Amino acid sequence: MDSESTRAFLLRLPLVEETLQWGNNLVFWVGDKAIGGKMFALLNLDADSNGVLSFAAGPEGAAELLEIDGIFPAPYLARAHWVAMERWNALRKSELEARLRAARDIVEAKLPKRTRDVLAMPLPERRKLIAARKKELATRGKQR
């Protein structure tokens, strides 16, 4: 896999949102962060020592993955059981896709009830609520 195919795969997963943050990183969220969504994967678009992709692995998954050459504790997120891939061929495509699905599921299971309730709403209602929340956050940011 590469950054384009990984991005396309992640965006096909249920309830996934994407933001560009912290320089040149695509961050993938379960639910919109405006309603309390949580990130589960980070695609690094810069060639640096932080790896090409970081994702939530859970305690057992992280322990397994850290034994593989080319996988290391994710910078800033290792204590939350995130791992980072040094290069795209550290995992086979099928293994990476399975791990990314699991990362999304791990994070979704930890979402607060209020966030899960919003994600369970019909799409038009959910979009309206998210738009209102983003507008509220933007107004609050301008007041500071």
C-alpha atoms as a PDB file:
ATOM      1  CA  MET A   1       0.000   0.000   0.000  1.00  0.00           C
ATOM      2  CA  ASP A   2       0.935   3.651  -0.213  1.00  0.00           C
ATOM      3  CA  SER A   3      -0.496   6.904   1.141  1.00  0.00           C
ATOM      4  CA  GLU A   4      -3.162   7.275  -1.588  1.00  0.00           C
ATOM      5  CA  SER A   5      -4.485   3.715  -1.368  1.00  0.00           C
ATOM      6  CA  THR A   6      -4.386   3.803   2.448  1.00  0.00           C
ATOM      7  CA  ARG A   7      -6.307   7.089   2.498  1.00  0.00           C
ATOM      8  CA  ALA A   8      -8.920   5.687   0.114  1.00  0.00           C
ATOM      9  CA  PHE A   9      -9.290   2.555   2.255  1.00  0.00           C
ATOM     10  CA  LEU A  10      -9.656   4.531   5.494  1.00  0.00           C
ATOM     11  CA  LEU A  11     -12.304   6.830   4.024  1.00  0.00           C
ATOM     12  CA  ARG A  12     -14.404   3.786   3.048  1.00  0.00           C
ATOM     13  CA  LEU A  13     -14.668   2.658   6.681  1.00  0.00           C
ATOM     14  CA  PRO A  14     -17.905   3.565   8.504  1.00  0.00           C
ATOM     15  CA  LEU A  15     -18.242   6.985  10.159  1.00  0.00           C
ATOM     16  CA  VAL A  16     -14.684   8.048   9.287  1.00  0.00           C
ATOM     17  CA  GLU A  17     -13.778  11.723   8.955  1.00  0.00           C
ATOM     18  CA  GLU A  18     -10.468  13.217   7.844  1.00  0.00           C
ATOM     19  CA  THR A  19      -8.610  16.386   8.838  1.00  0.00           C
ATOM     20  CA  LEU A  20      -5.238  17.890   7.935  1.00  0.00           C
ATOM     21  CA  GLN A  21      -3.382  18.742  11.159  1.00  0.00           C
ATOM     22  CA  TRP A  22       0.001  19.182  12.806  1.00  0.00           C
ATOM     23  CA  GLY A  23       1.826  20.179   9.684  1.00  0.00           C
ATOM     24  CA  ASN A  24       1.332  17.727   6.886  1.00  0.00           C
ATOM     25  CA  ASN A  25      -0.585  14.890   8.580  1.00  0.00           C
ATOM     26  CA  LEU A  26      -3.921  13.440   7.550  1.00  0.00           C
ATOM     27  CA  VAL A  27      -5.752  12.455  10.715  1.00  0.00           C
ATOM     28  CA  PHE A  28      -8.590   9.931  10.536  1.00  0.00           C
ATOM     29  CA  TRP A  29     -11.362  10.091  13.123  1.00  0.00           C
ATOM     30  CA  VAL A  30     -14.265   7.888  14.132  1.00  0.00           C
ATOM     31  CA  GLY A  31     -16.912  10.595  13.976  1.00  0.00           C
ATOM     32  CA  ASP A  32     -16.280  14.286  13.521  1.00  0.00           C
ATOM     33  CA  LYS A  33     -14.055  15.793  16.187  1.00  0.00           C
ATOM     34  CA  ALA A  34     -16.602  18.630  16.617  1.00  0.00           C
ATOM     35  CA  ILE A  35     -18.957  16.138  18.296  1.00  0.00           C
ATOM     36  CA  GLY A  36     -16.328  14.275  20.307  1.00  0.00           C
ATOM     37  CA  GLY A  37     -15.002  11.919  17.638  1.00  0.00           C
ATOM     38  CA  LYS A  38     -11.629  10.336  18.335  1.00  0.00           C
ATOM     39  CA  MET A  39      -8.662   9.787  16.049  1.00  0.00           C
ATOM     40  CA  PHE A  40      -7.567   6.270  15.167  1.00  0.00           C
ATOM     41  CA  ALA A  41      -4.972   6.718  12.407  1.00  0.00           C
ATOM     42  CA  LEU A  42      -2.502   9.332  11.256  1.00  0.00           C
ATOM     43  CA  LEU A  43      -0.987   9.383   7.783  1.00  0.00           C
ATOM     44  CA  ASN A  44       2.310  11.303   7.696  1.00  0.00           C
ATOM     45  CA  LEU A  45       2.741  12.985   4.321  1.00  0.00           C
ATOM     46  CA  ASP A  46       6.276  14.187   5.128  1.00  0.00           C
ATOM     47  CA  ALA A  47       9.338  11.986   4.882  1.00  0.00           C
ATOM     48  CA  ASP A  48      10.629  12.116   8.444  1.00  0.00           C
ATOM     49  CA  SER A  49      11.441   9.916  11.424  1.00  0.00           C
ATOM     50  CA  ASN A  50       7.802   9.678  12.574  1.00  0.00           C
ATOM     51  CA  GLY A  51       6.997   6.930  10.072  1.00  0.00           C
ATOM     52  CA  VAL A  52       4.523   6.809   7.209  1.00  0.00           C
ATOM     53  CA  LEU A  53       1.462   5.730   9.190  1.00  0.00           C
ATOM     54  CA  SER A  54       0.511   5.542  12.868  1.00  0.00           C
ATOM     55  CA  PHE A  55      -2.580   3.867  14.288  1.00  0.00           C
ATOM     56  CA  ALA A  56      -4.228   2.614  17.465  1.00  0.00           C
ATOM     57  CA  ALA A  57      -3.421  -1.044  18.111  1.00  0.00           C
ATOM     58  CA  GLY A  58      -4.615  -1.765  21.651  1.00  0.00           C
ATOM     59  CA  PRO A  59      -2.340  -3.343  24.277  1.00  0.00           C
ATOM     60  CA  GLU A  60      -2.159  -6.832  22.741  1.00  0.00           C
ATOM     61  CA  GLY A  61      -2.000  -5.618  19.140  1.00  0.00           C
ATOM     62  CA  ALA A  62       0.773  -3.167  19.936  1.00  0.00           C
ATOM     63  CA  ALA A  63       2.825  -5.868  21.671  1.00  0.00           C
ATOM     64  CA  GLU A  64       2.470  -8.148  18.614  1.00  0.00           C
ATOM     65  CA  LEU A  65       3.210  -5.444  16.076  1.00  0.00           C
ATOM     66  CA  LEU A  66       6.265  -4.078  17.884  1.00  0.00           C
ATOM     67  CA  GLU A  67       8.008  -7.404  17.265  1.00  0.00           C
ATOM     68  CA  ILE A  68       7.869  -6.778  13.495  1.00  0.00           C
ATOM     69  CA  ASP A  69      10.817  -5.109  11.767  1.00  0.00           C
ATOM     70  CA  GLY A  70       9.746  -1.667  10.530  1.00  0.00           C
ATOM     71  CA  ILE A  71       7.168  -1.040  13.261  1.00  0.00           C
ATOM     72  CA  PHE A  72       7.931   1.089  16.318  1.00  0.00           C
ATOM     73  CA  PRO A  73       6.048   2.886  19.119  1.00  0.00           C
ATOM     74  CA  ALA A  74       4.225   5.888  17.645  1.00  0.00           C
ATOM     75  CA  PRO A  75       5.724   9.234  18.662  1.00  0.00           C
ATOM     76  CA  TYR A  76       3.574  11.005  21.288  1.00  0.00           C
ATOM     77  CA  LEU A  77       0.961   8.208  21.251  1.00  0.00           C
ATOM     78  CA  ALA A  78       2.848   5.076  22.313  1.00  0.00           C
ATOM     79  CA  ARG A  79       1.434   5.153  25.850  1.00  0.00           C
ATOM     80  CA  ALA A  80      -2.045   4.903  24.292  1.00  0.00           C
ATOM     81  CA  HIS A  81      -0.877   1.725  22.480  1.00  0.00           C
ATOM     82  CA  TRP A  82      -0.346   3.301  19.068  1.00  0.00           C
ATOM     83  CA  VAL A  83       2.272   2.002  16.657  1.00  0.00           C
ATOM     84  CA  ALA A  84       3.957   3.565  13.640  1.00  0.00           C
ATOM     85  CA  MET A  85       5.138   2.019  10.396  1.00  0.00           C
ATOM     86  CA  GLU A  86       8.596   3.040   9.227  1.00  0.00           C
ATOM     87  CA  ARG A  87       7.823   2.064   5.616  1.00  0.00           C
ATOM     88  CA  TRP A  88       4.836   0.871   3.605  1.00  0.00           C
ATOM     89  CA  ASN A  89       6.033  -2.711   3.197  1.00  0.00           C
ATOM     90  CA  ALA A  90       6.296  -3.377   6.951  1.00  0.00           C
ATOM     91  CA  LEU A  91       2.917  -5.170   6.700  1.00  0.00           C
ATOM     92  CA  ARG A  92       1.175  -6.968   3.852  1.00  0.00           C
ATOM     93  CA  LYS A  93      -1.833  -5.115   2.418  1.00  0.00           C
ATOM     94  CA  SER A  94      -4.379  -7.556   3.896  1.00  0.00           C
ATOM     95  CA  GLU A  95      -2.725  -7.404   7.334  1.00  0.00           C
ATOM     96  CA  LEU A  96      -2.587  -3.595   7.290  1.00  0.00           C
ATOM     97  CA  GLU A  97      -6.243  -3.316   6.274  1.00  0.00           C
ATOM     98  CA  ALA A  98      -7.259  -5.703   9.068  1.00  0.00           C
ATOM     99  CA  ARG A  99      -5.200  -3.719  11.602  1.00  0.00           C
ATOM    100  CA  LEU A 100      -6.709  -0.415  10.445  1.00  0.00           C
ATOM    101  CA  ARG A 101     -10.251  -1.828  10.722  1.00  0.00           C
ATOM    102  CA  ALA A 102      -9.370  -3.014  14.221  1.00  0.00           C
ATOM    103  CA  ALA A 103      -7.941   0.429  15.092  1.00  0.00           C
ATOM    104  CA  ARG A 104     -11.207   2.055  14.069  1.00  0.00           C
ATOM    105  CA  ASP A 105     -13.214  -0.480  16.084  1.00  0.00           C
ATOM    106  CA  ILE A 106     -10.992  -0.071  19.178  1.00  0.00           C
ATOM    107  CA  VAL A 107     -11.506   3.687  19.149  1.00  0.00           C
ATOM    108  CA  GLU A 108     -15.233   3.498  18.378  1.00  0.00           C
ATOM    109  CA  ALA A 109     -15.744   1.211  21.386  1.00  0.00           C
ATOM    110  CA  LYS A 110     -14.225   3.901  23.634  1.00  0.00           C
ATOM    111  CA  LEU A 111     -16.358   6.796  22.377  1.00  0.00           C
ATOM    112  CA  PRO A 112     -18.542   8.487  24.991  1.00  0.00           C
ATOM    113  CA  LYS A 113     -22.237   7.622  24.896  1.00  0.00           C
ATOM    114  CA  ARG A 114     -23.215  11.125  23.746  1.00  0.00           C
ATOM    115  CA  THR A 115     -20.907  10.810  20.723  1.00  0.00           C
ATOM    116  CA  ARG A 116     -22.210   7.333  19.884  1.00  0.00           C
ATOM    117  CA  ASP A 117     -25.762   8.697  20.130  1.00  0.00           C
ATOM    118  CA  VAL A 118     -24.959  11.421  17.578  1.00  0.00           C
ATOM    119  CA  LEU A 119     -23.317   8.881  15.250  1.00  0.00           C
ATOM    120  CA  ALA A 120     -26.453   6.725  15.457  1.00  0.00           C
ATOM    121  CA  MET A 121     -28.638   9.592  14.173  1.00  0.00           C
ATOM    122  CA  PRO A 122     -29.911   9.570  10.592  1.00  0.00           C
ATOM    123  CA  LEU A 123     -27.324  11.160   8.295  1.00  0.00           C
ATOM    124  CA  PRO A 124     -29.195  14.431   7.518  1.00  0.00           C
ATOM    125  CA  GLU A 125     -29.870  15.053  11.214  1.00  0.00           C
ATOM    126  CA  ARG A 126     -26.262  14.195  12.127  1.00  0.00           C
ATOM    127  CA  ARG A 127     -24.857  16.534   9.445  1.00  0.00           C
ATOM    128  CA  LYS A 128     -27.065  19.375  10.663  1.00  0.00           C
ATOM    129  CA  LEU A 129     -25.943  18.887  14.271  1.00  0.00           C
ATOM    130  CA  ILE A 130     -22.254  18.713  13.270  1.00  0.00           C
ATOM    131  CA  ALA A 131     -22.558  21.892  11.172  1.00  0.00           C
ATOM    132  CA  ALA A 132     -24.188  23.705  14.099  1.00  0.00           C
ATOM    133  CA  ARG A 133     -21.469  22.483  16.471  1.00  0.00           C
ATOM    134  CA  LYS A 134     -18.689  23.608  14.113  1.00  0.00           C
ATOM    135  CA  LYS A 135     -20.312  27.032  13.810  1.00  0.00           C
ATOM    136  CA  GLU A 136     -20.528  27.265  17.599  1.00  0.00           C
ATOM    137  CA  LEU A 137     -16.857  26.284  17.982  1.00  0.00           C
ATOM    138  CA  ALA A 138     -15.771  28.825  15.334  1.00  0.00           C
ATOM    139  CA  THR A 139     -17.717  31.598  17.114  1.00  0.00           C
ATOM    140  CA  ARG A 140     -16.169  30.613  20.448  1.00  0.00           C
ATOM    141  CA  GLY A 141     -12.684  30.668  18.882  1.00  0.00           C
ATOM    142  CA  LYS A 142     -13.182  34.210  17.539  1.00  0.00           C
ATOM    143  CA  GLN A 143     -14.275  35.483  20.958  1.00  0.00           C
ATOM    144  CA  ARG A 144     -10.974  34.479  22.581  1.00  0.00           C
END
